N, C-alpha and C. Protein backbone atom coordinates (compact mmCIF):
# COMPACT_ATOMS: atom_id res chain seq x y z
N UNK A 1 125.02 117.25 131.44
CA UNK A 1 125.22 118.09 130.26
C UNK A 1 123.93 118.85 129.95
N UNK A 2 124.03 120.13 129.73
CA UNK A 2 122.85 120.93 129.42
C UNK A 2 122.48 120.76 127.96
N UNK A 3 121.21 121.07 127.59
CA UNK A 3 120.79 120.95 126.19
C UNK A 3 121.69 121.73 125.25
N UNK A 4 122.21 122.87 125.72
CA UNK A 4 123.05 123.69 124.85
C UNK A 4 124.38 123.00 124.55
N UNK A 5 124.82 122.13 125.45
CA UNK A 5 126.10 121.45 125.27
C UNK A 5 125.97 120.13 124.52
N UNK A 6 124.74 119.67 124.33
CA UNK A 6 124.53 118.38 123.69
C UNK A 6 124.91 118.43 122.21
N UNK A 7 125.65 117.43 121.77
CA UNK A 7 126.03 117.31 120.37
C UNK A 7 125.44 116.01 119.84
N UNK A 8 124.58 116.11 118.85
CA UNK A 8 123.94 114.92 118.27
C UNK A 8 124.96 114.22 117.37
N UNK A 9 125.38 113.01 117.72
CA UNK A 9 126.41 112.33 116.93
C UNK A 9 125.93 111.90 115.54
N UNK A 10 124.62 111.95 115.33
CA UNK A 10 124.10 111.57 114.02
C UNK A 10 124.21 112.70 113.00
N UNK A 11 124.43 113.91 113.47
CA UNK A 11 124.46 115.06 112.58
C UNK A 11 125.87 115.41 112.14
N UNK A 12 125.99 115.81 110.88
CA UNK A 12 127.25 116.33 110.36
C UNK A 12 127.39 117.77 110.86
N UNK A 13 128.44 118.08 111.62
CA UNK A 13 128.57 119.43 112.18
C UNK A 13 128.71 120.52 111.13
N UNK A 14 129.14 120.16 109.93
CA UNK A 14 129.32 121.17 108.88
C UNK A 14 128.01 121.48 108.17
N UNK A 15 127.21 120.46 107.92
CA UNK A 15 125.96 120.69 107.17
C UNK A 15 124.75 120.80 108.09
N UNK A 16 124.84 120.22 109.28
CA UNK A 16 123.72 120.24 110.20
C UNK A 16 122.65 119.21 109.88
N UNK A 17 122.90 118.34 108.90
CA UNK A 17 121.94 117.29 108.56
C UNK A 17 122.51 115.93 108.94
N UNK A 18 121.70 114.91 108.84
CA UNK A 18 122.14 113.58 109.22
C UNK A 18 123.33 113.12 108.36
N UNK A 19 124.32 112.55 109.02
CA UNK A 19 125.43 111.96 108.28
C UNK A 19 124.86 110.89 107.36
N UNK A 20 125.32 110.85 106.13
CA UNK A 20 124.73 109.91 105.18
C UNK A 20 125.78 109.37 104.21
N UNK A 21 125.41 108.33 103.50
CA UNK A 21 126.31 107.63 102.59
C UNK A 21 126.19 108.13 101.15
N UNK A 22 125.25 109.06 100.91
CA UNK A 22 125.00 109.48 99.53
C UNK A 22 125.64 110.83 99.21
N UNK A 23 126.29 111.43 100.18
CA UNK A 23 126.96 112.70 99.94
C UNK A 23 126.05 113.91 99.94
N UNK A 24 124.83 113.75 100.44
CA UNK A 24 123.90 114.87 100.48
C UNK A 24 124.35 115.89 101.52
N UNK A 25 124.24 117.18 101.17
CA UNK A 25 124.65 118.24 102.09
C UNK A 25 123.51 119.21 102.40
N UNK A 26 122.33 118.93 101.87
CA UNK A 26 121.16 119.74 102.17
C UNK A 26 120.01 118.83 102.58
N UNK A 27 119.07 119.37 103.32
CA UNK A 27 117.92 118.59 103.77
C UNK A 27 117.14 118.05 102.58
N UNK A 28 116.92 118.89 101.57
CA UNK A 28 116.14 118.46 100.40
C UNK A 28 116.84 117.36 99.62
N UNK A 29 118.14 117.48 99.46
CA UNK A 29 118.90 116.46 98.72
C UNK A 29 118.87 115.13 99.46
N UNK A 30 119.00 115.18 100.78
CA UNK A 30 118.96 113.95 101.56
C UNK A 30 117.57 113.33 101.50
N UNK A 31 116.54 114.15 101.62
CA UNK A 31 115.17 113.63 101.59
C UNK A 31 114.87 112.97 100.24
N UNK A 32 115.35 113.58 99.16
CA UNK A 32 115.12 113.02 97.82
C UNK A 32 115.83 111.68 97.66
N UNK A 33 117.07 111.62 98.08
CA UNK A 33 117.84 110.38 97.96
C UNK A 33 117.26 109.30 98.85
N UNK A 34 116.91 109.67 100.07
CA UNK A 34 116.35 108.71 101.01
C UNK A 34 115.05 108.12 100.49
N UNK A 35 114.18 108.98 99.94
CA UNK A 35 112.89 108.52 99.42
C UNK A 35 113.08 107.54 98.27
N UNK A 36 113.96 107.89 97.32
CA UNK A 36 114.17 107.04 96.14
C UNK A 36 114.81 105.71 96.51
N UNK A 37 115.85 105.76 97.33
CA UNK A 37 116.56 104.54 97.66
C UNK A 37 115.76 103.63 98.57
N UNK A 38 115.05 104.20 99.53
CA UNK A 38 114.26 103.36 100.44
C UNK A 38 113.06 102.75 99.71
N UNK A 39 112.52 103.48 98.73
CA UNK A 39 111.40 102.92 97.96
C UNK A 39 111.87 101.72 97.15
N UNK A 40 113.03 101.83 96.53
CA UNK A 40 113.56 100.70 95.75
C UNK A 40 113.77 99.48 96.66
N UNK A 41 114.26 99.71 97.85
CA UNK A 41 114.46 98.61 98.80
C UNK A 41 113.13 98.08 99.31
N UNK A 42 112.14 98.94 99.41
CA UNK A 42 110.82 98.51 99.85
C UNK A 42 110.19 97.55 98.84
N UNK A 43 110.38 97.84 97.56
CA UNK A 43 109.88 96.96 96.51
C UNK A 43 110.51 95.58 96.65
N UNK A 44 111.79 95.54 96.98
CA UNK A 44 112.47 94.26 97.17
C UNK A 44 111.83 93.46 98.30
N UNK A 45 111.43 94.16 99.35
CA UNK A 45 110.84 93.48 100.50
C UNK A 45 109.51 92.82 100.15
N UNK A 46 108.84 93.32 99.11
CA UNK A 46 107.57 92.73 98.71
C UNK A 46 107.78 91.28 98.26
N UNK A 47 108.90 91.02 97.60
CA UNK A 47 109.20 89.67 97.11
C UNK A 47 110.07 88.87 98.08
N UNK A 48 110.86 89.58 98.85
CA UNK A 48 111.78 88.90 99.78
C UNK A 48 111.69 89.56 101.15
N UNK A 49 110.60 89.32 101.87
CA UNK A 49 110.42 89.95 103.18
C UNK A 49 111.41 89.41 104.20
N UNK A 50 111.62 90.18 105.25
CA UNK A 50 112.48 89.73 106.33
C UNK A 50 111.72 88.69 107.15
N UNK A 51 112.43 88.00 108.02
CA UNK A 51 111.80 86.97 108.85
C UNK A 51 110.72 87.61 109.74
N UNK A 52 109.49 87.10 109.70
CA UNK A 52 108.38 87.69 110.44
C UNK A 52 108.37 87.31 111.92
N UNK A 53 109.30 87.85 112.68
CA UNK A 53 109.41 87.50 114.08
C UNK A 53 108.43 88.27 114.96
N UNK A 54 107.85 89.34 114.42
CA UNK A 54 106.85 90.09 115.16
C UNK A 54 107.38 90.85 116.36
N UNK A 55 108.65 91.25 116.31
CA UNK A 55 109.24 91.94 117.45
C UNK A 55 110.24 92.99 116.98
N UNK A 56 111.04 93.48 117.90
CA UNK A 56 112.00 94.52 117.57
C UNK A 56 113.03 94.04 116.56
N UNK A 57 113.34 92.75 116.56
CA UNK A 57 114.29 92.22 115.58
C UNK A 57 113.74 92.37 114.16
N UNK A 58 112.45 92.17 113.98
CA UNK A 58 111.86 92.33 112.66
C UNK A 58 111.90 93.80 112.23
N UNK A 59 111.58 94.69 113.15
CA UNK A 59 111.66 96.12 112.83
C UNK A 59 113.08 96.53 112.46
N UNK A 60 114.05 96.01 113.19
CA UNK A 60 115.44 96.33 112.89
C UNK A 60 115.85 95.80 111.52
N UNK A 61 115.40 94.61 111.19
CA UNK A 61 115.74 94.02 109.88
C UNK A 61 115.11 94.82 108.75
N UNK A 62 113.87 95.26 108.95
CA UNK A 62 113.21 96.08 107.94
C UNK A 62 113.95 97.40 107.77
N UNK A 63 114.25 98.05 108.87
CA UNK A 63 114.96 99.34 108.82
C UNK A 63 116.31 99.18 108.14
N UNK A 64 117.02 98.12 108.49
CA UNK A 64 118.34 97.87 107.89
C UNK A 64 118.23 97.74 106.38
N UNK A 65 117.23 97.02 105.93
CA UNK A 65 117.08 96.82 104.48
C UNK A 65 116.68 98.12 103.79
N UNK A 66 115.73 98.83 104.36
CA UNK A 66 115.23 100.05 103.72
C UNK A 66 116.29 101.13 103.59
N UNK A 67 117.11 101.28 104.62
CA UNK A 67 118.02 102.43 104.67
C UNK A 67 119.49 102.08 104.56
N UNK A 68 119.80 100.87 104.11
CA UNK A 68 121.19 100.43 104.02
C UNK A 68 122.01 101.27 103.06
N UNK A 69 121.37 101.89 102.07
CA UNK A 69 122.11 102.70 101.10
C UNK A 69 122.32 104.14 101.56
N UNK A 70 121.66 104.50 102.67
CA UNK A 70 121.66 105.90 103.08
C UNK A 70 122.41 106.15 104.38
N UNK A 71 122.24 105.25 105.36
CA UNK A 71 122.82 105.49 106.68
C UNK A 71 123.68 104.32 107.15
N UNK A 72 124.82 104.63 107.70
CA UNK A 72 125.69 103.59 108.25
C UNK A 72 125.01 102.86 109.40
N UNK A 73 124.14 103.54 110.11
CA UNK A 73 123.50 102.98 111.30
C UNK A 73 122.14 102.34 111.00
N UNK A 74 121.88 102.05 109.75
CA UNK A 74 120.61 101.40 109.39
C UNK A 74 120.44 100.11 110.19
N UNK A 75 119.28 99.96 110.82
CA UNK A 75 119.00 98.77 111.60
C UNK A 75 119.46 98.84 113.04
N UNK A 76 120.14 99.90 113.41
CA UNK A 76 120.63 100.04 114.78
C UNK A 76 119.68 100.92 115.60
N UNK A 77 119.49 100.58 116.85
CA UNK A 77 118.66 101.38 117.73
C UNK A 77 119.32 102.74 117.98
N UNK A 78 118.51 103.76 118.08
CA UNK A 78 119.06 105.11 118.33
C UNK A 78 119.76 105.15 119.68
N UNK A 79 120.70 106.05 119.78
CA UNK A 79 121.48 106.19 121.00
C UNK A 79 121.26 107.54 121.67
N UNK A 80 120.36 108.34 121.13
CA UNK A 80 120.05 109.66 121.70
C UNK A 80 118.54 109.81 121.85
N UNK A 81 118.14 110.60 122.82
CA UNK A 81 116.72 110.93 122.98
C UNK A 81 116.35 111.97 121.93
N UNK A 82 115.18 111.80 121.33
CA UNK A 82 114.79 112.68 120.23
C UNK A 82 113.35 113.17 120.40
N UNK A 83 113.06 114.25 119.71
CA UNK A 83 111.73 114.83 119.70
C UNK A 83 111.44 115.28 118.27
N UNK A 84 110.20 115.18 117.84
CA UNK A 84 109.85 115.60 116.49
C UNK A 84 110.06 117.11 116.36
N UNK A 85 110.56 117.53 115.22
CA UNK A 85 110.92 118.93 115.03
C UNK A 85 109.70 119.80 114.70
N UNK A 86 108.75 119.84 115.63
CA UNK A 86 107.58 120.71 115.50
C UNK A 86 107.32 121.35 116.85
N UNK A 87 106.77 122.54 116.83
CA UNK A 87 106.56 123.29 118.07
C UNK A 87 105.64 122.53 119.02
N UNK A 88 106.05 122.43 120.26
CA UNK A 88 105.23 121.81 121.29
C UNK A 88 105.30 120.31 121.36
N UNK A 89 106.06 119.67 120.48
CA UNK A 89 106.14 118.21 120.47
C UNK A 89 106.84 117.69 121.72
N UNK A 90 106.45 116.52 122.16
CA UNK A 90 107.06 115.90 123.33
C UNK A 90 108.09 114.87 122.88
N UNK A 91 109.04 114.57 123.76
CA UNK A 91 110.08 113.60 123.45
C UNK A 91 109.48 112.20 123.30
N UNK A 92 110.10 111.42 122.42
CA UNK A 92 109.76 110.01 122.32
C UNK A 92 110.36 109.30 123.52
N UNK A 93 110.13 107.99 123.61
CA UNK A 93 110.60 107.21 124.74
C UNK A 93 112.12 107.36 124.92
N UNK A 94 112.58 107.50 126.16
CA UNK A 94 114.03 107.59 126.40
C UNK A 94 114.76 106.35 125.89
N UNK A 95 115.97 106.55 125.43
CA UNK A 95 116.78 105.48 124.87
C UNK A 95 116.87 104.29 125.82
N UNK A 96 117.05 104.56 127.10
CA UNK A 96 117.27 103.51 128.08
C UNK A 96 116.09 102.54 128.22
N UNK A 97 114.93 102.93 127.70
CA UNK A 97 113.73 102.12 127.88
C UNK A 97 113.26 101.43 126.60
N UNK A 98 113.95 101.66 125.48
CA UNK A 98 113.48 101.14 124.19
C UNK A 98 113.33 99.61 124.20
N UNK A 99 114.37 98.91 124.60
CA UNK A 99 114.34 97.45 124.55
C UNK A 99 113.27 96.87 125.46
N UNK A 100 113.20 97.34 126.69
CA UNK A 100 112.22 96.81 127.64
C UNK A 100 110.80 97.13 127.21
N UNK A 101 110.57 98.35 126.76
CA UNK A 101 109.22 98.73 126.32
C UNK A 101 108.81 97.91 125.10
N UNK A 102 109.74 97.65 124.21
CA UNK A 102 109.45 96.85 123.02
C UNK A 102 109.05 95.43 123.41
N UNK A 103 109.76 94.85 124.37
CA UNK A 103 109.46 93.50 124.82
C UNK A 103 108.06 93.44 125.44
N UNK A 104 107.71 94.43 126.21
CA UNK A 104 106.39 94.49 126.83
C UNK A 104 105.30 94.60 125.78
N UNK A 105 105.49 95.48 124.81
CA UNK A 105 104.49 95.68 123.76
C UNK A 105 104.35 94.44 122.89
N UNK A 106 105.46 93.81 122.56
CA UNK A 106 105.43 92.60 121.75
C UNK A 106 104.70 91.48 122.50
N UNK A 107 104.93 91.37 123.81
CA UNK A 107 104.25 90.35 124.60
C UNK A 107 102.74 90.56 124.54
N UNK A 108 102.31 91.82 124.63
CA UNK A 108 100.88 92.13 124.51
C UNK A 108 100.35 91.72 123.14
N UNK A 109 101.10 92.07 122.11
CA UNK A 109 100.69 91.78 120.74
C UNK A 109 100.55 90.28 120.52
N UNK A 110 101.47 89.51 121.06
CA UNK A 110 101.41 88.06 120.91
C UNK A 110 100.26 87.47 121.70
N UNK A 111 99.95 88.06 122.84
CA UNK A 111 98.80 87.61 123.61
C UNK A 111 97.50 87.79 122.83
N UNK A 112 97.50 88.76 121.94
CA UNK A 112 96.33 88.99 121.09
C UNK A 112 96.49 88.30 119.74
N UNK A 113 97.37 87.29 119.69
CA UNK A 113 97.55 86.45 118.51
C UNK A 113 97.88 87.27 117.27
N UNK A 114 98.73 88.30 117.45
CA UNK A 114 99.17 89.15 116.34
C UNK A 114 97.99 89.72 115.55
N UNK A 115 96.90 90.00 116.25
CA UNK A 115 95.69 90.63 115.70
C UNK A 115 94.92 89.74 114.74
N UNK A 116 95.17 88.45 114.79
CA UNK A 116 94.44 87.52 113.91
C UNK A 116 93.07 87.20 114.49
N UNK A 117 92.14 86.89 113.59
CA UNK A 117 90.82 86.43 114.00
C UNK A 117 89.91 87.51 114.57
N UNK A 118 90.19 88.76 114.24
CA UNK A 118 89.38 89.86 114.77
C UNK A 118 88.42 90.39 113.71
N UNK A 119 87.33 90.98 114.16
CA UNK A 119 86.45 91.69 113.24
C UNK A 119 87.21 92.91 112.74
N UNK A 120 86.74 93.50 111.65
CA UNK A 120 87.42 94.67 111.11
C UNK A 120 87.47 95.80 112.14
N UNK A 121 86.37 96.04 112.82
CA UNK A 121 86.32 97.12 113.80
C UNK A 121 87.33 96.89 114.93
N UNK A 122 87.40 95.67 115.41
CA UNK A 122 88.32 95.34 116.49
C UNK A 122 89.76 95.41 116.00
N UNK A 123 90.01 94.95 114.77
CA UNK A 123 91.35 95.00 114.21
C UNK A 123 91.85 96.44 114.13
N UNK A 124 91.02 97.33 113.63
CA UNK A 124 91.41 98.75 113.52
C UNK A 124 91.69 99.33 114.89
N UNK A 125 90.85 99.00 115.86
CA UNK A 125 91.01 99.51 117.22
C UNK A 125 92.34 99.08 117.83
N UNK A 126 92.66 97.79 117.71
CA UNK A 126 93.89 97.29 118.32
C UNK A 126 95.13 97.70 117.51
N UNK A 127 94.98 97.81 116.20
CA UNK A 127 96.08 98.29 115.38
C UNK A 127 96.46 99.72 115.80
N UNK A 128 95.46 100.54 116.07
CA UNK A 128 95.73 101.92 116.52
C UNK A 128 96.50 101.91 117.83
N UNK A 129 96.13 101.02 118.72
CA UNK A 129 96.80 100.93 120.02
C UNK A 129 98.28 100.59 119.85
N UNK A 130 98.58 99.58 119.04
CA UNK A 130 99.97 99.15 118.87
C UNK A 130 100.76 100.09 117.98
N UNK A 131 100.09 100.69 117.02
CA UNK A 131 100.75 101.68 116.16
C UNK A 131 101.24 102.84 117.02
N UNK A 132 100.40 103.28 117.94
CA UNK A 132 100.78 104.36 118.85
C UNK A 132 101.93 103.92 119.77
N UNK A 133 101.85 102.69 120.26
CA UNK A 133 102.88 102.20 121.18
C UNK A 133 104.25 102.18 120.51
N UNK A 134 104.34 101.63 119.31
CA UNK A 134 105.61 101.55 118.62
C UNK A 134 106.07 102.93 118.15
N UNK A 135 105.12 103.79 117.84
CA UNK A 135 105.51 105.14 117.43
C UNK A 135 106.16 105.88 118.60
N UNK A 136 105.64 105.67 119.80
CA UNK A 136 106.23 106.32 120.97
C UNK A 136 107.60 105.73 121.30
N UNK A 137 107.75 104.42 121.11
CA UNK A 137 109.06 103.79 121.33
C UNK A 137 110.09 104.37 120.35
N UNK A 138 109.68 104.56 119.10
CA UNK A 138 110.51 105.24 118.09
C UNK A 138 111.95 104.74 118.12
N UNK A 139 112.18 103.49 117.77
CA UNK A 139 113.50 102.88 118.00
C UNK A 139 114.66 103.44 117.19
N UNK A 140 114.37 104.15 116.07
CA UNK A 140 115.46 104.58 115.20
C UNK A 140 115.59 106.11 115.14
N UNK A 141 116.77 106.56 114.82
CA UNK A 141 117.01 108.01 114.75
C UNK A 141 116.20 108.64 113.63
N UNK A 142 115.99 107.91 112.58
CA UNK A 142 115.21 108.39 111.42
C UNK A 142 114.65 107.17 110.71
N UNK A 143 113.52 107.33 110.03
CA UNK A 143 112.96 106.23 109.24
C UNK A 143 111.98 105.35 109.99
N UNK A 144 111.48 105.80 111.13
CA UNK A 144 110.54 105.00 111.90
C UNK A 144 109.21 104.79 111.19
N UNK A 145 108.71 105.85 110.54
CA UNK A 145 107.41 105.76 109.88
C UNK A 145 107.36 104.71 108.80
N UNK A 146 108.33 104.74 107.89
CA UNK A 146 108.34 103.77 106.80
C UNK A 146 108.58 102.36 107.31
N UNK A 147 109.40 102.24 108.34
CA UNK A 147 109.64 100.92 108.92
C UNK A 147 108.36 100.36 109.53
N UNK A 148 107.64 101.20 110.26
CA UNK A 148 106.38 100.75 110.85
C UNK A 148 105.37 100.35 109.79
N UNK A 149 105.31 101.09 108.70
CA UNK A 149 104.33 100.78 107.67
C UNK A 149 104.58 99.40 107.05
N UNK A 150 105.85 99.10 106.81
CA UNK A 150 106.17 97.78 106.27
C UNK A 150 105.81 96.70 107.29
N UNK A 151 106.16 96.94 108.54
CA UNK A 151 105.88 95.97 109.60
C UNK A 151 104.39 95.72 109.75
N UNK A 152 103.60 96.79 109.86
CA UNK A 152 102.16 96.60 110.07
C UNK A 152 101.45 96.08 108.84
N UNK A 153 101.98 96.38 107.66
CA UNK A 153 101.41 95.79 106.45
C UNK A 153 101.57 94.28 106.47
N UNK A 154 102.72 93.82 106.95
CA UNK A 154 102.96 92.37 107.06
C UNK A 154 102.04 91.75 108.10
N UNK A 155 101.93 92.38 109.28
CA UNK A 155 101.05 91.87 110.33
C UNK A 155 99.61 91.82 109.83
N UNK A 156 99.20 92.87 109.13
CA UNK A 156 97.83 92.93 108.60
C UNK A 156 97.57 91.81 107.60
N UNK A 157 98.50 91.57 106.69
CA UNK A 157 98.31 90.51 105.70
C UNK A 157 98.14 89.15 106.37
N UNK A 158 98.95 88.90 107.39
CA UNK A 158 98.85 87.62 108.09
C UNK A 158 97.52 87.49 108.84
N UNK A 159 96.92 88.64 109.14
CA UNK A 159 95.65 88.64 109.86
C UNK A 159 94.45 88.73 108.92
N UNK A 160 94.71 88.75 107.61
CA UNK A 160 93.63 88.75 106.64
C UNK A 160 93.24 90.11 106.09
N UNK A 161 94.11 91.11 106.27
CA UNK A 161 93.81 92.46 105.80
C UNK A 161 94.99 93.02 105.02
N UNK A 162 94.72 94.08 104.29
CA UNK A 162 95.79 94.83 103.66
C UNK A 162 95.64 96.29 104.07
N UNK A 163 96.77 96.99 104.10
CA UNK A 163 96.76 98.40 104.47
C UNK A 163 97.12 99.22 103.23
N UNK A 164 96.19 100.03 102.77
CA UNK A 164 96.41 100.86 101.59
C UNK A 164 96.85 102.24 102.06
N UNK A 165 98.16 102.43 102.15
CA UNK A 165 98.73 103.66 102.69
C UNK A 165 98.71 104.81 101.70
N UNK A 166 98.28 104.59 100.48
CA UNK A 166 98.43 105.61 99.45
C UNK A 166 97.68 106.90 99.75
N UNK A 167 96.62 106.82 100.52
CA UNK A 167 95.84 108.02 100.82
C UNK A 167 96.35 108.76 102.06
N UNK A 168 97.35 108.21 102.72
CA UNK A 168 97.84 108.81 103.97
C UNK A 168 99.05 109.68 103.68
N UNK A 169 98.90 110.97 103.88
CA UNK A 169 100.01 111.90 103.73
C UNK A 169 100.74 112.04 105.06
N UNK A 170 101.97 112.48 104.98
CA UNK A 170 102.76 112.60 106.18
C UNK A 170 102.13 113.49 107.24
N UNK A 171 101.53 114.58 106.81
CA UNK A 171 100.93 115.51 107.76
C UNK A 171 99.77 114.87 108.50
N UNK A 172 98.98 114.05 107.79
CA UNK A 172 97.84 113.37 108.41
C UNK A 172 98.33 112.39 109.46
N UNK A 173 99.34 111.61 109.08
CA UNK A 173 99.91 110.64 110.01
C UNK A 173 100.51 111.33 111.23
N UNK A 174 101.24 112.41 111.00
CA UNK A 174 101.88 113.12 112.11
C UNK A 174 100.86 113.68 113.08
N UNK A 175 99.81 114.29 112.56
CA UNK A 175 98.79 114.87 113.42
C UNK A 175 98.04 113.79 114.20
N UNK A 176 97.72 112.70 113.54
CA UNK A 176 97.01 111.61 114.21
C UNK A 176 97.88 110.97 115.27
N UNK A 177 99.16 110.79 114.96
CA UNK A 177 100.08 110.17 115.91
C UNK A 177 100.30 111.07 117.12
N UNK A 178 100.41 112.37 116.90
CA UNK A 178 100.62 113.29 118.02
C UNK A 178 99.39 113.36 118.91
N UNK A 179 98.21 113.34 118.31
CA UNK A 179 96.97 113.39 119.10
C UNK A 179 96.88 112.17 120.02
N UNK A 180 97.27 111.01 119.49
CA UNK A 180 97.22 109.79 120.29
C UNK A 180 98.29 109.79 121.37
N UNK A 181 99.50 110.17 121.02
CA UNK A 181 100.62 110.10 121.96
C UNK A 181 100.57 111.17 123.04
N UNK A 182 100.21 112.38 122.65
CA UNK A 182 100.30 113.50 123.58
C UNK A 182 99.00 113.81 124.30
N UNK A 183 97.86 113.57 123.64
CA UNK A 183 96.57 113.90 124.24
C UNK A 183 95.73 112.66 124.55
N UNK A 184 96.26 111.49 124.20
CA UNK A 184 95.52 110.23 124.34
C UNK A 184 94.19 110.30 123.60
N UNK A 185 94.17 111.04 122.52
CA UNK A 185 93.00 111.15 121.66
C UNK A 185 93.24 110.27 120.45
N UNK A 186 92.62 109.10 120.43
CA UNK A 186 92.84 108.14 119.35
C UNK A 186 91.90 108.35 118.17
N UNK A 187 91.01 109.34 118.27
CA UNK A 187 90.05 109.56 117.20
C UNK A 187 90.68 109.73 115.83
N UNK A 188 91.62 110.67 115.66
CA UNK A 188 92.24 110.87 114.33
C UNK A 188 92.99 109.63 113.83
N UNK A 189 93.65 108.91 114.74
CA UNK A 189 94.39 107.72 114.33
C UNK A 189 93.43 106.62 113.90
N UNK A 190 92.35 106.45 114.64
CA UNK A 190 91.35 105.45 114.27
C UNK A 190 90.73 105.81 112.92
N UNK A 191 90.47 107.08 112.70
CA UNK A 191 89.89 107.52 111.43
C UNK A 191 90.85 107.25 110.28
N UNK A 192 92.14 107.53 110.49
CA UNK A 192 93.14 107.29 109.45
C UNK A 192 93.23 105.81 109.11
N UNK A 193 93.35 104.98 110.15
CA UNK A 193 93.50 103.54 109.91
C UNK A 193 92.23 102.93 109.34
N UNK A 194 91.08 103.44 109.75
CA UNK A 194 89.82 102.91 109.25
C UNK A 194 89.69 103.12 107.74
N UNK A 195 90.35 104.15 107.22
CA UNK A 195 90.30 104.44 105.79
C UNK A 195 91.22 103.54 104.97
N UNK A 196 92.21 102.93 105.62
CA UNK A 196 93.20 102.19 104.84
C UNK A 196 93.14 100.68 105.03
N UNK A 197 92.35 100.19 105.98
CA UNK A 197 92.24 98.75 106.19
C UNK A 197 91.32 98.16 105.13
N UNK A 198 91.87 97.27 104.32
CA UNK A 198 91.14 96.69 103.19
C UNK A 198 91.20 95.17 103.30
N UNK A 199 90.08 94.51 103.07
CA UNK A 199 90.06 93.05 103.11
C UNK A 199 90.89 92.49 101.95
N UNK A 200 91.67 91.46 102.22
CA UNK A 200 92.44 90.82 101.16
C UNK A 200 91.47 90.30 100.10
N UNK A 201 91.77 90.61 98.84
CA UNK A 201 90.89 90.23 97.75
C UNK A 201 90.01 91.36 97.28
N UNK A 202 89.85 92.38 98.13
CA UNK A 202 89.10 93.56 97.74
C UNK A 202 89.82 94.23 96.58
N UNK A 203 89.07 94.74 95.60
CA UNK A 203 89.69 95.32 94.41
C UNK A 203 90.66 96.44 94.77
N UNK A 204 90.30 97.26 95.74
CA UNK A 204 91.15 98.36 96.14
C UNK A 204 92.46 97.87 96.74
N UNK A 205 92.43 96.69 97.35
CA UNK A 205 93.61 96.21 98.05
C UNK A 205 94.55 95.38 97.21
N UNK A 206 94.17 95.07 95.96
CA UNK A 206 94.98 94.13 95.18
C UNK A 206 96.40 94.61 94.90
N UNK A 207 96.56 95.92 94.71
CA UNK A 207 97.92 96.41 94.46
C UNK A 207 98.36 97.35 95.56
N UNK A 208 97.73 97.24 96.73
CA UNK A 208 98.08 98.14 97.82
C UNK A 208 99.05 97.53 98.80
N UNK A 209 99.27 96.23 98.72
CA UNK A 209 100.02 95.54 99.75
C UNK A 209 101.40 96.09 100.02
N UNK A 210 102.18 96.37 98.95
CA UNK A 210 103.54 96.83 99.19
C UNK A 210 103.68 98.34 99.02
N UNK A 211 102.59 98.99 98.63
CA UNK A 211 102.67 100.44 98.42
C UNK A 211 102.52 101.16 99.74
N UNK A 212 103.58 101.14 100.51
CA UNK A 212 103.54 101.74 101.82
C UNK A 212 104.35 103.03 101.86
């Protein structure tokens, strides 16, 4: 099938936006509903987190909880190959490789004891590596960024750190992620993460834990 013949099953053919449970028919309306509803669910996760399995199952459980009010496929792995909607962007990992690549990455992460017992510098370095790896895997059709933030905030807490995402705007994250994935330039990603890694107990980190 040629690209011109491909039909994305996630999109409503009438509106051209993602099929959703909230009745949104415009990009802005969907984005507003998604942000509000996923934030409310994110707050719930602060008190009732999903089982910390440290693998694709945990990511799926987080995604399911965050987006259960918006998408029927919340928590399900994507079934189509996707690319970020910006000029020159490269495709994320092919669908056929998501499960195997996730298993490989998780095995690496567990070999490093889920980033526990590391100096701050080493923690930031390895977090950047795994953040890039999971970003490239991109297991869901939408909502990967917020799912990753919840996941890595949990991993960080267990390793003695907190991630204060409040200073990270979407454009900063997107640019840093693209530089790492497409150019293997981890500088921007390391800089971004270095700004948000906070020691547990630090005044700045006291209310940053769930603000992802």
